[in-house]
Amino acid sequence: MIKLSSISDIRGPRKAFTGHKAMKRIDWETPMNATVHRNPEIRFQTSGKVTEDERAAAERAVRTALDGRGSATVQVTLSIAADPALPRPALAQAVADLEGRRLRAQAAAPHLEEAIDLLRTRLTHRLAS
């Protein structure tokens, strides 16, 4: 029979705690009950002749509409139909998942800039209701 004189005999020598990779760093500047707002993760799908400036404008519009709404994942679709005879060939659509709540907005217009502005307005309106 082995006789143990202390709990350290079972566990082995104590080592200094150096932390763990998965542990979160404590932010002492932010109060514990403060809401931390993260930027939404935005994925884009485009079709037609969509420029980088239009894509950036859509990203700004979605971020503006979702400002302060917590974490979100957003799929934005921008497309311009190749048929110039259509009255509203530009389409902007956003589907957002806001902490379990699915939100969808869509706008069509003669030009993509107008469709993006309408999309921002509709997202803001749906978030208010």
Protein backbone atom coordinates (compact mmCIF):
# COMPACT_ATOMS: atom_id res chain seq x y z
CA MET A 1 0.00 0.00 0.00
CA ILE A 2 1.27 3.46 -0.97
CA LYS A 3 0.89 6.23 1.54
CA LEU A 4 0.33 9.72 0.12
CA SER A 5 1.25 12.65 2.27
CA SER A 6 -0.61 15.35 0.32
CA ILE A 7 -2.79 16.01 -2.69
CA SER A 8 0.27 17.19 -4.62
CA ASP A 9 1.59 13.65 -4.45
CA ILE A 10 -1.40 12.54 -6.54
CA ARG A 11 -1.37 15.39 -9.05
CA GLY A 12 2.35 15.85 -9.28
CA PRO A 13 4.23 19.09 -8.81
CA ARG A 14 2.27 22.29 -9.37
CA LYS A 15 3.04 24.24 -12.50
CA ALA A 16 2.44 27.91 -13.08
CA PHE A 17 -0.74 28.47 -15.06
CA THR A 18 0.16 29.92 -18.41
CA GLY A 19 -3.33 30.07 -19.87
CA HIS A 20 -5.01 28.23 -22.67
CA LYS A 21 -5.32 29.07 -26.33
CA ALA A 22 -9.10 28.89 -26.25
CA MET A 23 -9.46 31.26 -23.29
CA LYS A 24 -10.67 34.73 -24.14
CA ARG A 25 -8.67 37.74 -23.17
CA ILE A 26 -10.43 39.88 -20.60
CA ASP A 27 -11.15 43.43 -21.66
CA TRP A 28 -11.05 45.39 -18.43
CA GLU A 29 -12.11 48.62 -20.16
CA THR A 30 -15.56 47.35 -21.23
CA PRO A 31 -18.16 46.81 -18.50
CA MET A 32 -19.44 43.24 -18.20
CA ASN A 33 -23.00 44.17 -19.10
CA ALA A 34 -22.02 46.25 -22.13
CA THR A 35 -23.22 45.07 -25.52
CA VAL A 36 -20.37 44.42 -27.90
CA HIS A 37 -21.27 45.20 -31.52
CA ARG A 38 -19.46 43.33 -34.23
CA ASN A 39 -19.40 44.19 -37.87
CA PRO A 40 -21.64 41.92 -39.89
CA GLU A 41 -20.03 39.30 -42.09
CA ILE A 42 -21.10 40.18 -45.65
CA ARG A 43 -20.83 37.80 -48.60
CA PHE A 44 -21.46 38.99 -52.15
CA GLN A 45 -22.79 37.37 -55.27
CA THR A 46 -22.81 39.43 -58.45
CA SER A 47 -23.96 38.94 -62.00
CA GLY A 48 -23.75 41.25 -64.96
CA LYS A 49 -21.54 44.32 -65.15
CA VAL A 50 -21.27 45.18 -61.43
CA THR A 51 -18.32 47.43 -60.62
CA GLU A 52 -16.17 47.38 -57.47
CA ASP A 53 -17.52 50.84 -56.57
CA GLU A 54 -21.10 49.53 -56.68
CA ARG A 55 -20.10 46.53 -54.56
CA ALA A 56 -18.46 48.87 -52.02
CA ALA A 57 -21.55 51.10 -52.00
CA ALA A 58 -23.74 48.06 -51.26
CA GLU A 59 -21.45 47.04 -48.42
CA ARG A 60 -21.63 50.53 -46.90
CA ALA A 61 -25.43 50.55 -47.29
CA VAL A 62 -25.85 47.20 -45.52
CA ARG A 63 -23.44 48.16 -42.72
CA THR A 64 -25.31 51.45 -42.26
CA ALA A 65 -28.68 49.71 -42.09
CA LEU A 66 -27.43 47.07 -39.63
CA ASP A 67 -25.44 49.49 -37.48
CA GLY A 68 -25.56 48.45 -33.83
CA ARG A 69 -27.65 45.33 -34.42
CA GLY A 70 -25.14 42.84 -33.02
CA SER A 71 -23.56 40.06 -34.97
CA ALA A 72 -25.03 39.17 -38.31
CA THR A 73 -24.34 37.22 -41.45
CA VAL A 74 -25.53 38.83 -44.67
CA GLN A 75 -25.72 37.52 -48.23
CA VAL A 76 -25.94 40.37 -50.75
CA THR A 77 -26.81 39.77 -54.40
CA LEU A 78 -26.19 42.49 -56.98
CA SER A 79 -27.17 41.92 -60.58
CA ILE A 80 -27.67 43.86 -63.76
CA ALA A 81 -29.73 42.23 -66.48
CA ALA A 82 -28.21 42.25 -69.94
CA ASP A 83 -31.54 43.22 -71.56
CA PRO A 84 -31.62 47.05 -71.87
CA ALA A 85 -35.34 46.96 -72.70
CA LEU A 86 -36.24 46.10 -69.10
CA PRO A 87 -37.61 49.06 -67.11
CA ARG A 88 -35.62 48.11 -63.96
CA PRO A 89 -32.64 45.93 -64.91
CA ALA A 90 -30.66 46.52 -61.70
CA LEU A 91 -31.41 44.32 -58.68
CA ALA A 92 -30.04 44.54 -55.12
CA GLN A 93 -31.02 41.91 -52.59
CA ALA A 94 -29.92 41.21 -49.01
CA VAL A 95 -30.71 38.28 -46.74
CA ALA A 96 -29.50 38.80 -43.18
CA ASP A 97 -29.41 36.38 -40.28
CA LEU A 98 -29.51 38.50 -37.13
CA GLU A 99 -28.95 36.16 -34.19
CA GLY A 100 -31.56 33.70 -35.44
CA ARG A 101 -33.93 36.23 -37.04
CA ARG A 102 -33.97 36.07 -40.85
CA LEU A 103 -34.49 39.35 -42.64
CA ARG A 104 -34.86 39.82 -46.41
CA ALA A 105 -35.01 42.95 -48.54
CA GLN A 106 -34.95 43.44 -52.29
CA ALA A 107 -35.04 46.42 -54.63
CA ALA A 108 -35.06 46.86 -58.40
CA ALA A 109 -34.33 50.11 -60.22
CA PRO A 110 -33.11 51.48 -63.56
CA HIS A 111 -29.59 51.88 -62.12
CA LEU A 112 -27.77 49.84 -59.49
CA GLU A 113 -27.00 52.90 -57.33
CA GLU A 114 -30.75 53.55 -56.98
CA ALA A 115 -31.42 49.90 -56.18
CA ILE A 116 -28.76 49.98 -53.43
CA ASP A 117 -30.30 53.14 -51.90
CA LEU A 118 -33.73 51.50 -51.92
CA LEU A 119 -32.24 48.37 -50.38
CA ARG A 120 -30.76 50.37 -47.50
CA THR A 121 -34.13 52.06 -46.87
CA ARG A 122 -36.00 48.75 -46.92
CA LEU A 123 -33.52 47.03 -44.61
CA THR A 124 -33.77 49.90 -42.15
CA HIS A 125 -37.58 49.77 -42.31
CA ARG A 126 -37.70 46.00 -41.73
CA LEU A 127 -35.33 46.26 -38.79
CA ALA A 128 -37.57 48.87 -37.18
CA SER A 129 -40.63 46.57 -37.31
